[in-house]
N, C-alpha and C. Protein backbone atom coordinates (compact mmCIF):
# COMPACT_ATOMS: atom_id res chain seq x y z
N MET A 1 150.52 287.25 -8.47
CA MET A 1 150.98 285.91 -9.00
C MET A 1 149.90 285.01 -9.81
N ASP A 2 150.92 284.63 -10.82
CA ASP A 2 149.79 284.35 -11.99
C ASP A 2 150.19 282.79 -12.21
N THR A 3 148.89 282.27 -11.49
CA THR A 3 148.54 280.66 -11.44
C THR A 3 148.69 279.97 -12.60
N ALA A 4 148.02 280.78 -13.64
CA ALA A 4 148.28 279.77 -15.02
C ALA A 4 149.75 279.54 -15.36
N ALA A 5 150.60 280.76 -15.04
CA ALA A 5 151.96 280.54 -15.61
C ALA A 5 152.65 279.54 -14.74
N ASP A 6 152.65 279.83 -13.53
CA ASP A 6 153.32 278.62 -12.37
C ASP A 6 152.73 277.11 -12.73
N PHE A 7 151.31 277.10 -13.10
CA PHE A 7 151.08 275.81 -13.58
C PHE A 7 151.71 275.18 -14.93
N ASP A 8 151.56 276.28 -15.94
CA ASP A 8 152.06 275.86 -17.00
C ASP A 8 153.80 275.30 -16.87
N GLU A 9 154.84 276.40 -15.67
CA GLU A 9 155.72 275.94 -15.98
C GLU A 9 155.85 274.74 -15.20
N PHE A 10 155.23 274.37 -14.32
CA PHE A 10 154.99 272.94 -13.26
C PHE A 10 154.99 272.03 -14.65
N VAL A 11 153.93 272.12 -15.71
CA VAL A 11 154.05 271.20 -16.66
C VAL A 11 155.07 271.14 -17.14
N ARG A 12 155.59 271.86 -17.88
CA ARG A 12 156.95 272.19 -18.72
C ARG A 12 158.01 270.97 -17.70
N ALA A 13 157.80 271.43 -16.44
CA ALA A 13 159.75 270.82 -15.89
C ALA A 13 159.28 269.30 -15.27
N LYS A 14 158.01 269.17 -15.07
CA LYS A 14 157.70 267.77 -14.38
C LYS A 14 157.39 266.83 -15.27
N ARG A 15 156.41 267.06 -16.29
CA ARG A 15 155.69 266.10 -17.40
C ARG A 15 156.62 264.87 -17.75
N ALA A 16 157.50 265.07 -18.20
CA ALA A 16 158.47 263.96 -18.25
C ALA A 16 158.79 262.75 -17.42
N ALA A 17 159.12 263.11 -16.01
CA ALA A 17 159.33 262.33 -15.13
C ALA A 17 157.87 261.95 -14.35
N LEU A 18 156.78 262.46 -14.88
CA LEU A 18 155.51 262.16 -14.39
C LEU A 18 154.82 261.06 -15.15
N VAL A 19 155.58 260.83 -16.40
CA VAL A 19 154.60 260.26 -17.47
C VAL A 19 155.71 258.94 -17.39
N ARG A 20 157.23 259.08 -17.09
CA ARG A 20 158.03 257.69 -16.47
C ARG A 20 157.45 256.74 -15.54
N SER A 21 157.24 257.60 -14.23
CA SER A 21 156.66 257.10 -13.47
C SER A 21 155.22 256.22 -13.49
N ALA A 22 154.63 256.99 -13.92
CA ALA A 22 152.92 256.70 -14.61
C ALA A 22 153.26 255.01 -15.69
N TYR A 23 154.10 255.36 -16.50
CA TYR A 23 154.57 254.65 -17.50
C TYR A 23 155.05 253.01 -16.41
N LEU A 24 155.31 252.88 -15.56
CA LEU A 24 156.12 252.10 -14.43
C LEU A 24 154.88 251.46 -13.71
N LEU A 25 153.62 252.29 -13.49
CA LEU A 25 152.69 252.11 -12.42
C LEU A 25 151.55 251.77 -13.73
N THR A 26 151.45 251.72 -14.84
CA THR A 26 150.70 250.91 -16.04
C THR A 26 150.74 250.44 -16.63
N GLY A 27 152.10 250.01 -16.71
CA GLY A 27 152.90 249.13 -17.94
C GLY A 27 152.49 249.53 -19.11
N ASP A 28 152.20 250.44 -19.94
CA ASP A 28 151.64 250.86 -21.09
C ASP A 28 152.01 252.41 -21.49
N ARG A 29 152.52 252.88 -22.62
CA ARG A 29 152.91 254.27 -22.92
C ARG A 29 151.39 254.96 -22.90
N HIS A 30 150.80 254.58 -23.60
CA HIS A 30 149.37 255.56 -23.76
C HIS A 30 149.19 255.35 -22.19
N LEU A 31 148.59 254.37 -21.62
CA LEU A 31 147.85 254.56 -20.36
C LEU A 31 148.51 255.80 -19.64
N ALA A 32 150.36 255.30 -19.39
CA ALA A 32 150.46 256.61 -18.94
C ALA A 32 150.35 258.11 -19.20
N GLU A 33 150.16 258.15 -20.51
CA GLU A 33 149.92 259.83 -20.94
C GLU A 33 148.85 259.91 -20.63
N ASP A 34 147.57 259.13 -20.57
CA ASP A 34 146.01 259.31 -20.05
C ASP A 34 146.33 259.38 -18.44
N LEU A 35 146.88 258.98 -18.03
CA LEU A 35 147.15 258.87 -16.48
C LEU A 35 147.64 260.26 -16.13
N VAL A 36 148.70 260.56 -16.83
CA VAL A 36 149.18 262.03 -16.25
C VAL A 36 148.41 262.82 -16.86
N GLN A 37 147.51 263.01 -17.96
CA GLN A 37 147.04 264.22 -18.27
C GLN A 37 145.52 264.38 -17.46
N SER A 38 145.38 263.13 -16.78
CA SER A 38 144.20 263.42 -15.50
C SER A 38 144.91 263.79 -14.77
N ALA A 39 145.51 263.22 -14.01
CA ALA A 39 146.39 263.64 -12.87
C ALA A 39 146.52 265.56 -12.83
N LEU A 40 146.93 265.79 -14.01
CA LEU A 40 147.58 267.20 -14.22
C LEU A 40 146.04 267.80 -14.24
N ALA A 41 144.71 267.34 -15.08
CA ALA A 41 144.05 268.24 -14.97
C ALA A 41 143.15 268.07 -13.48
N ARG A 42 143.35 267.35 -12.77
CA ARG A 42 142.79 267.28 -11.76
C ARG A 42 143.84 268.45 -10.76
N THR A 43 145.04 268.11 -10.75
CA THR A 43 145.94 269.34 -10.02
C THR A 43 145.73 270.86 -10.63
N HIS A 44 145.41 271.07 -11.57
CA HIS A 44 145.34 272.26 -12.51
C HIS A 44 143.81 272.94 -11.32
N ARG A 45 142.47 271.99 -11.44
CA ARG A 45 141.71 272.23 -10.75
C ARG A 45 142.19 272.90 -9.11
N GLY A 46 143.08 271.83 -8.87
CA GLY A 46 143.09 272.45 -7.25
C GLY A 46 144.68 272.80 -7.03
N TRP A 47 144.56 273.63 -8.52
CA TRP A 47 146.13 274.51 -8.26
C TRP A 47 145.93 275.89 -7.05
N ALA A 48 144.91 276.23 -7.06
CA ALA A 48 144.66 277.62 -5.99
C ALA A 48 144.58 277.25 -4.91
N ARG A 49 143.63 276.16 -4.58
CA ARG A 49 144.10 275.53 -3.18
C ARG A 49 145.30 275.11 -2.42
N LEU A 50 146.53 275.19 -3.55
CA LEU A 50 147.75 274.43 -3.19
C LEU A 50 148.23 275.53 -2.19
N ALA A 51 148.41 275.12 -0.70
CA ALA A 51 149.33 276.50 -0.55
C ALA A 51 150.74 276.66 -0.70
N ASP A 52 151.78 275.75 -1.13
CA ASP A 52 152.67 276.04 -1.37
C ASP A 52 152.39 275.33 -2.82
N PRO A 53 153.01 275.69 -3.88
CA PRO A 53 153.48 275.27 -5.08
C PRO A 53 154.74 274.27 -5.32
N ALA A 54 155.30 274.61 -4.33
CA ALA A 54 156.76 273.41 -4.02
C ALA A 54 156.02 272.19 -3.80
N ASN A 55 154.72 272.01 -3.66
CA ASN A 55 154.23 270.81 -2.83
C ASN A 55 153.37 269.94 -4.07
N ALA A 56 153.30 270.74 -5.48
CA ALA A 56 153.01 270.37 -6.23
C ALA A 56 152.95 268.90 -7.41
N GLU A 57 154.20 268.46 -7.22
CA GLU A 57 154.86 267.43 -7.79
C GLU A 57 153.78 266.45 -6.84
N ALA A 58 153.82 266.27 -5.61
CA ALA A 58 153.91 265.46 -4.52
C ALA A 58 152.13 265.14 -4.56
N TYR A 59 152.04 266.36 -4.83
CA TYR A 59 150.33 266.38 -4.88
C TYR A 59 149.92 265.68 -5.94
N THR A 60 150.37 265.78 -6.91
CA THR A 60 150.29 264.92 -8.77
C THR A 60 150.47 263.32 -8.51
N ARG A 61 151.27 263.60 -8.06
CA ARG A 61 151.80 261.81 -8.31
C ARG A 61 150.59 261.24 -7.06
N LYS A 62 150.11 261.83 -5.65
CA LYS A 62 149.33 260.97 -5.48
C LYS A 62 147.78 261.01 -6.01
N VAL A 63 147.74 262.18 -6.60
CA VAL A 63 146.57 262.13 -7.80
C VAL A 63 147.11 261.20 -8.65
N MET A 64 147.92 260.81 -9.33
CA MET A 64 148.37 259.78 -10.37
C MET A 64 147.90 258.29 -9.68
N TYR A 65 148.48 258.19 -8.11
CA TYR A 65 148.24 256.55 -7.66
C TYR A 65 146.97 256.51 -7.28
N HIS A 66 145.90 257.65 -7.00
CA HIS A 66 144.35 257.26 -6.64
C HIS A 66 143.52 257.11 -7.72
N LEU A 67 143.76 257.65 -8.93
CA LEU A 67 143.30 257.50 -10.11
C LEU A 67 143.67 256.12 -10.46
N GLN A 68 145.17 255.34 -10.77
CA GLN A 68 145.47 254.44 -11.15
C GLN A 68 144.69 253.38 -10.46
N VAL A 69 144.37 253.06 -9.04
CA VAL A 69 143.83 252.81 -8.21
C VAL A 69 142.64 252.63 -8.59
N SER A 70 141.67 253.46 -8.56
CA SER A 70 140.54 253.53 -9.29
C SER A 70 140.59 252.97 -10.81
N TRP A 71 141.06 253.08 -11.70
CA TRP A 71 141.24 252.57 -13.26
C TRP A 71 141.37 250.54 -12.71
N TRP A 72 142.25 250.54 -11.90
CA TRP A 72 142.55 249.27 -11.65
C TRP A 72 140.90 248.58 -11.14
N ARG A 73 140.62 249.03 -10.07
CA ARG A 73 139.23 248.51 -9.52
C ARG A 73 137.91 248.26 -10.43
N ARG A 74 137.73 249.24 -11.59
CA ARG A 74 137.20 249.72 -13.10
C ARG A 74 137.33 248.40 -13.31
N ASN A 75 138.66 247.95 -13.69
CA ASN A 75 138.73 246.89 -14.73
C ASN A 75 138.29 247.24 -16.28
N ARG A 76 138.29 248.93 -16.40
CA ARG A 76 138.01 248.95 -18.09
C ARG A 76 138.57 249.43 -19.01
N VAL A 77 139.64 248.96 -18.43
CA VAL A 77 141.50 248.94 -19.61
C VAL A 77 141.00 247.97 -20.78
N ALA A 78 140.76 248.48 -21.66
CA ALA A 78 140.61 247.83 -23.26
C ALA A 78 141.95 247.37 -23.58
N GLU A 79 143.00 247.59 -23.43
CA GLU A 79 144.36 246.73 -23.69
C GLU A 79 144.42 245.82 -22.37
N SER A 80 145.22 245.00 -22.99
CA SER A 80 145.95 243.99 -21.96
C SER A 80 147.31 243.44 -21.95
N MET A 81 148.09 243.31 -21.28
CA MET A 81 148.98 243.45 -21.03
C MET A 81 149.27 241.98 -21.16
N THR A 82 150.17 241.24 -22.49
CA THR A 82 151.07 240.06 -22.80
C THR A 82 151.88 239.58 -21.51
N ASP A 83 151.95 238.17 -21.75
CA ASP A 83 153.25 237.35 -20.76
C ASP A 83 153.93 237.33 -21.44
N GLU A 84 154.59 237.97 -22.64
CA GLU A 84 155.94 238.32 -23.45
C GLU A 84 156.03 239.36 -24.14
N MET A 85 157.05 239.83 -24.74
CA MET A 85 157.47 240.73 -24.61
C MET A 85 157.26 241.01 -26.58
N PRO A 86 157.27 241.41 -27.51
CA PRO A 86 157.50 241.38 -29.04
C PRO A 86 158.82 241.68 -29.39
N GLU A 87 159.63 241.05 -30.08
CA GLU A 87 160.73 241.04 -30.35
C GLU A 87 161.42 242.75 -30.88
N PRO A 88 162.15 242.68 -30.25
CA PRO A 88 162.44 244.45 -30.64
C PRO A 88 163.29 244.43 -32.03
N ARG A 89 162.95 245.59 -32.26
CA ARG A 89 163.39 245.79 -33.75
C ARG A 89 165.38 246.12 -33.75
N PRO A 90 166.05 245.58 -34.58
CA PRO A 90 167.28 245.87 -34.43
C PRO A 90 167.50 247.59 -35.01
N SER A 91 168.04 248.02 -33.75
CA SER A 91 168.46 249.48 -34.32
C SER A 91 169.57 250.57 -34.02
N GLY A 92 170.58 249.52 -32.84
CA GLY A 92 171.81 249.91 -32.42
C GLY A 92 172.77 249.07 -32.00
N GLY A 93 173.71 249.46 -31.62
CA GLY A 93 175.11 248.84 -31.16
C GLY A 93 174.39 247.88 -30.04
N PRO A 94 175.61 247.13 -29.40
CA PRO A 94 175.27 246.02 -28.32
C PRO A 94 175.12 246.49 -27.33
N GLY A 95 175.36 247.55 -26.79
CA GLY A 95 175.10 248.42 -26.04
C GLY A 95 173.66 249.25 -25.86
N GLU A 96 172.78 249.18 -26.62
CA GLU A 96 171.50 249.64 -26.74
C GLU A 96 170.85 248.57 -26.65
N ALA A 97 170.91 247.58 -27.33
CA ALA A 97 170.57 246.06 -27.34
C ALA A 97 170.15 245.77 -25.66
N THR A 98 171.34 245.69 -25.12
CA THR A 98 171.35 245.34 -23.26
C THR A 98 170.82 246.31 -22.97
N GLY A 99 170.68 247.11 -23.34
CA GLY A 99 169.88 248.06 -21.98
C GLY A 99 168.24 248.34 -22.32
N LEU A 100 167.85 247.72 -23.81
CA LEU A 100 166.52 247.82 -24.32
C LEU A 100 166.06 246.14 -23.52
N THR A 101 166.86 245.04 -23.59
CA THR A 101 166.84 244.15 -23.13
C THR A 101 166.42 243.85 -21.30
N ASN A 102 167.20 244.78 -20.96
CA ASN A 102 167.29 244.73 -19.19
C ASN A 102 165.63 245.69 -19.09
N ARG A 103 165.47 246.71 -19.81
CA ARG A 103 164.04 247.61 -19.68
C ARG A 103 162.79 246.33 -19.96
N MET A 104 163.04 246.04 -20.80
CA MET A 104 162.25 244.70 -20.87
C MET A 104 161.79 243.68 -20.14
N THR A 105 163.01 243.37 -19.36
CA THR A 105 163.09 242.02 -18.30
C THR A 105 161.99 243.22 -17.14
N ILE A 106 162.55 243.77 -16.91
CA ILE A 106 162.27 244.81 -15.98
C ILE A 106 161.06 244.97 -16.13
N HIS A 107 160.55 245.49 -17.24
CA HIS A 107 159.02 245.77 -17.84
C HIS A 107 157.90 244.69 -17.64
N GLY A 108 158.65 243.36 -17.90
CA GLY A 108 158.02 242.05 -17.94
C GLY A 108 157.92 241.63 -16.45
N ALA A 109 158.40 241.83 -15.74
CA ALA A 109 158.56 241.75 -14.17
C ALA A 109 157.25 242.35 -13.25
N LEU A 110 157.67 243.24 -13.73
CA LEU A 110 156.93 244.57 -13.12
C LEU A 110 155.43 244.38 -13.39
N ALA A 111 155.26 243.98 -14.94
CA ALA A 111 153.65 243.41 -15.10
C ALA A 111 153.18 242.55 -14.16
N LYS A 112 154.42 241.26 -13.89
CA LYS A 112 153.56 240.21 -13.15
C LYS A 112 153.19 240.95 -11.66
N LEU A 113 153.07 241.55 -11.53
CA LEU A 113 153.18 242.09 -9.86
C LEU A 113 151.63 242.51 -9.67
N SER A 114 151.03 242.54 -8.32
CA SER A 114 150.04 243.02 -8.44
C SER A 114 149.66 244.26 -8.39
N PRO A 115 148.84 245.96 -8.85
CA PRO A 115 149.17 247.02 -8.67
C PRO A 115 149.65 247.81 -7.66
N LYS A 116 149.14 247.16 -6.18
CA LYS A 116 150.27 248.13 -4.86
C LYS A 116 151.18 247.63 -5.21
N GLN A 117 151.87 246.55 -5.49
CA GLN A 117 153.15 245.91 -5.02
C GLN A 117 153.94 246.62 -6.14
N ARG A 118 153.35 246.87 -7.41
CA ARG A 118 154.14 247.73 -8.82
C ARG A 118 154.67 248.98 -8.36
N ALA A 119 153.27 249.64 -7.44
CA ALA A 119 153.64 251.01 -7.08
C ALA A 119 154.62 250.88 -6.11
N VAL A 120 154.68 250.05 -4.70
CA VAL A 120 155.60 250.58 -3.84
C VAL A 120 156.49 250.46 -4.58
N LEU A 121 157.32 249.25 -5.36
CA LEU A 121 158.88 248.76 -5.97
C LEU A 121 159.00 250.49 -7.06
N VAL A 122 157.86 250.93 -7.63
CA VAL A 122 158.01 252.42 -8.66
C VAL A 122 158.84 252.99 -7.55
N TYR A 123 157.85 253.85 -6.51
CA TYR A 123 158.20 254.64 -5.58
C TYR A 123 159.38 254.72 -5.02
N ARG A 124 159.76 253.43 -4.11
CA ARG A 124 160.69 253.39 -3.48
C ARG A 124 162.17 252.77 -4.28
N TYR A 125 162.12 252.16 -5.44
CA TYR A 125 163.42 252.01 -5.91
C TYR A 125 163.56 252.44 -7.52
N PHE A 126 162.02 252.78 -8.18
CA PHE A 126 162.68 253.75 -9.35
C PHE A 126 162.62 255.04 -9.24
N GLU A 127 162.21 255.94 -7.95
CA GLU A 127 161.82 256.92 -8.06
C GLU A 127 162.73 257.39 -6.29
N ASP A 128 163.00 256.35 -5.96
CA ASP A 128 164.24 256.77 -4.45
C ASP A 128 163.38 257.36 -3.57
N ARG A 129 162.08 257.11 -3.43
CA ARG A 129 161.44 257.91 -2.39
C ARG A 129 161.72 257.18 -1.13
N THR A 130 161.61 257.49 0.04
CA THR A 130 161.82 257.10 1.29
C THR A 130 160.60 256.67 1.74
N GLU A 131 160.60 255.56 3.01
CA GLU A 131 159.33 254.66 3.18
C GLU A 131 158.31 255.64 3.19
N ALA A 132 158.39 256.55 4.31
CA ALA A 132 157.25 258.02 4.40
C ALA A 132 157.04 258.41 3.10
N GLU A 133 157.79 259.08 2.52
CA GLU A 133 157.49 259.63 1.25
C GLU A 133 156.35 258.56 0.49
N THR A 134 156.17 257.36 0.23
CA THR A 134 155.82 256.55 -0.43
C THR A 134 154.46 256.06 0.65
N ALA A 135 154.59 256.16 1.44
CA ALA A 135 153.12 255.52 2.14
C ALA A 135 152.24 256.89 2.33
N GLU A 136 153.11 258.39 2.38
CA GLU A 136 152.29 259.44 2.43
C GLU A 136 151.66 259.99 0.53
N LEU A 137 152.17 259.27 -0.23
CA LEU A 137 151.65 259.11 -1.83
C LEU A 137 150.64 258.22 -2.23
N MET A 138 151.12 257.35 -1.16
CA MET A 138 149.90 256.04 -1.31
C MET A 138 148.47 256.34 -0.36
N GLY A 139 148.70 256.79 0.65
CA GLY A 139 147.59 256.86 1.39
C GLY A 139 147.90 255.60 2.39
N VAL A 140 148.94 255.26 2.92
CA VAL A 140 149.18 253.88 3.80
C VAL A 140 149.90 254.50 4.53
N LYS A 141 149.62 253.48 5.28
CA LYS A 141 150.64 253.61 6.64
C LYS A 141 152.49 253.00 6.38
N ILE A 142 153.61 253.81 6.75
CA ILE A 142 154.60 253.12 6.60
C ILE A 142 154.77 251.75 6.77
N GLY A 143 154.29 250.73 7.74
CA GLY A 143 154.38 249.31 7.83
C GLY A 143 153.73 248.95 6.73
N THR A 144 152.55 249.29 6.35
CA THR A 144 152.11 249.04 4.88
C THR A 144 152.99 249.05 4.10
N VAL A 145 153.58 249.98 3.63
CA VAL A 145 155.14 250.26 2.80
C VAL A 145 155.69 249.00 2.85
N LYS A 146 156.12 248.94 4.23
CA LYS A 146 157.47 247.95 4.35
C LYS A 146 156.88 246.72 3.57
N SER A 147 155.76 245.94 4.48
CA SER A 147 155.12 244.55 4.33
C SER A 147 155.09 244.31 2.82
N GLN A 148 154.41 245.18 2.24
CA GLN A 148 153.94 245.88 0.42
C GLN A 148 155.49 245.28 0.01
N THR A 149 156.41 245.92 0.24
CA THR A 149 157.77 246.13 -0.80
C THR A 149 158.32 244.59 -0.23
N ALA A 150 158.55 244.35 0.94
CA ALA A 150 159.06 242.36 1.17
C ALA A 150 158.25 241.80 0.41
N LYS A 151 156.94 241.47 0.06
CA LYS A 151 155.92 240.66 -0.48
C LYS A 151 156.49 241.48 -1.88
N ALA A 152 156.68 242.06 -2.44
CA ALA A 152 156.73 241.93 -3.84
C ALA A 152 157.77 241.89 -4.36
N LEU A 153 159.13 241.98 -3.63
CA LEU A 153 160.65 241.57 -3.60
C LEU A 153 160.59 240.07 -3.69
N VAL A 154 159.75 239.28 -3.11
CA VAL A 154 159.64 237.83 -2.73
C VAL A 154 158.60 237.16 -4.10
N ARG A 155 158.03 238.16 -4.33
CA ARG A 155 156.83 237.73 -5.88
C ARG A 155 158.07 237.91 -6.95
N LEU A 156 158.77 239.08 -7.10
CA LEU A 156 159.25 239.53 -8.14
C LEU A 156 160.40 238.29 -8.16
N ARG A 157 161.19 237.91 -7.47
CA ARG A 157 161.97 236.79 -7.27
C ARG A 157 161.55 235.86 -7.65
N ALA A 158 159.89 235.33 -7.37
CA ALA A 158 159.45 234.29 -7.46
C ALA A 158 159.19 233.72 -9.14
N VAL A 159 158.48 235.45 -9.71
CA VAL A 159 158.13 235.21 -11.28
C VAL A 159 159.20 235.98 -12.20
N ALA A 160 159.95 236.74 -11.70
CA ALA A 160 161.03 236.67 -12.55
C ALA A 160 162.34 236.58 -12.19
N PRO A 161 162.66 235.01 -12.19
CA PRO A 161 164.34 234.82 -11.71
C PRO A 161 165.33 235.51 -12.55
N GLU A 162 165.33 235.62 -14.08
CA GLU A 162 165.89 236.31 -14.92
C GLU A 162 166.38 237.50 -13.96
N LEU A 163 165.77 238.11 -13.17
CA LEU A 163 166.40 239.62 -12.93
C LEU A 163 167.83 239.55 -12.14
N ALA A 164 167.91 238.28 -11.38
CA ALA A 164 168.85 237.59 -10.61
C ALA A 164 170.13 237.53 -11.36
N ASP A 165 170.30 236.88 -12.63
CA ASP A 165 171.26 236.74 -13.81
C ASP A 165 171.41 238.40 -14.03
N LEU A 166 170.64 239.29 -14.32
CA LEU A 166 170.92 240.45 -14.75
C LEU A 166 170.99 241.00 -13.52
N TYR A 167 171.37 240.72 -11.86
CA TYR A 167 171.52 241.83 -11.03
C TYR A 167 172.82 241.31 -10.83
N ALA A 168 173.14 239.69 -11.28
CA ALA A 168 174.96 239.08 -11.13
C ALA A 168 175.67 239.75 -12.11
N ALA A 169 174.86 240.03 -13.57
CA ALA A 169 175.80 240.37 -14.54
C ALA A 169 176.18 242.14 -14.27
N ARG A 170 175.60 242.72 -13.47
CA ARG A 170 175.51 244.31 -13.47
C ARG A 170 176.57 244.22 -12.39
N VAL A 171 176.20 243.36 -11.56
CA VAL A 171 177.16 243.61 -10.19
C VAL A 171 178.51 243.23 -10.44
N SER A 172 178.91 241.66 -11.39
CA SER A 172 180.21 241.39 -11.76
C SER A 172 180.85 242.26 -12.85
N GLY A 173 179.97 242.90 -13.35
CA GLY A 173 180.49 243.99 -14.30
C GLY A 173 181.27 245.17 -13.68
N ALA A 174 180.84 245.64 -12.74
CA ALA A 174 181.08 246.93 -11.73
C ALA A 174 182.19 246.32 -10.59
N VAL A 175 182.42 245.02 -10.16
CA VAL A 175 183.49 244.45 -9.92
C VAL A 175 184.70 244.26 -10.90
N ALA A 176 184.48 243.80 -11.99
CA ALA A 176 185.24 244.17 -13.25
C ALA A 176 185.77 245.57 -13.22
N ASP A 177 184.80 245.68 -13.47
CA ASP A 177 185.66 247.96 -13.47
C ASP A 177 186.67 248.29 -12.59
N ASP A 178 186.32 247.38 -11.37
CA ASP A 178 186.95 248.32 -10.10
C ASP A 178 188.55 247.39 -10.20
N ASP A 179 188.17 246.45 -10.39
CA ASP A 179 189.70 245.65 -10.77
C ASP A 179 190.53 246.29 -11.81
N GLU A 180 189.94 246.56 -12.45
CA GLU A 180 190.81 247.12 -13.78
C GLU A 180 191.64 248.92 -13.43
N GLU A 181 190.55 249.18 -12.35
CA GLU A 181 190.79 250.22 -12.00
C GLU A 181 192.26 250.04 -11.05
N GLY A 182 192.20 249.21 -10.41
CA GLY A 182 193.09 248.40 -9.39
C GLY A 182 194.20 248.28 -10.01
N ASP A 183 194.40 248.08 -10.78
CA ASP A 183 195.87 247.33 -11.77
C ASP A 183 196.91 248.41 -11.71
N ASP A 184 196.50 249.97 -11.16
CA ASP A 184 197.58 250.87 -11.90
C ASP A 184 198.35 250.95 -10.26
N PHE A 185 198.11 250.00 -9.43
CA PHE A 185 199.06 250.13 -8.24
C PHE A 185 200.21 249.04 -8.42
């Protein structure tokens, strides 16, 4: 078994997904790339100890979460997130602008949450993880995941009421699409 080739294949296959998750955890593209790089370095060091290479992604995500918690605790991040996002540059049609606006709204709302609340929401709703998987990745009990999820959603509603409008628009758009399809009867 060629462990170097296996690790290279793993990195090629999972790097983009890991960077997306790290971005949601950190709120910054460059910090996300640093987080993934550090997590992959630690995964590489422990690669030979992995009993099953199929568990490498879960192991790497757990390493990412623990590294991010360590970084939060140290407060050594030179960059800081602002309360407002900069104005986007116009580049595409209205569909692209709406998607960008939605992403910025969600990013801004996540930035207002505590690190643990942000991590729970990222794992549960953006990565579609179960409560058990989330608990394992974060190294906490399932009850903690449930309570942190509930607290995060309450806080999200309080700090970002604009998300309710975004959700309502998305739901009404889906209902309108269903109504148009129903006109054939």
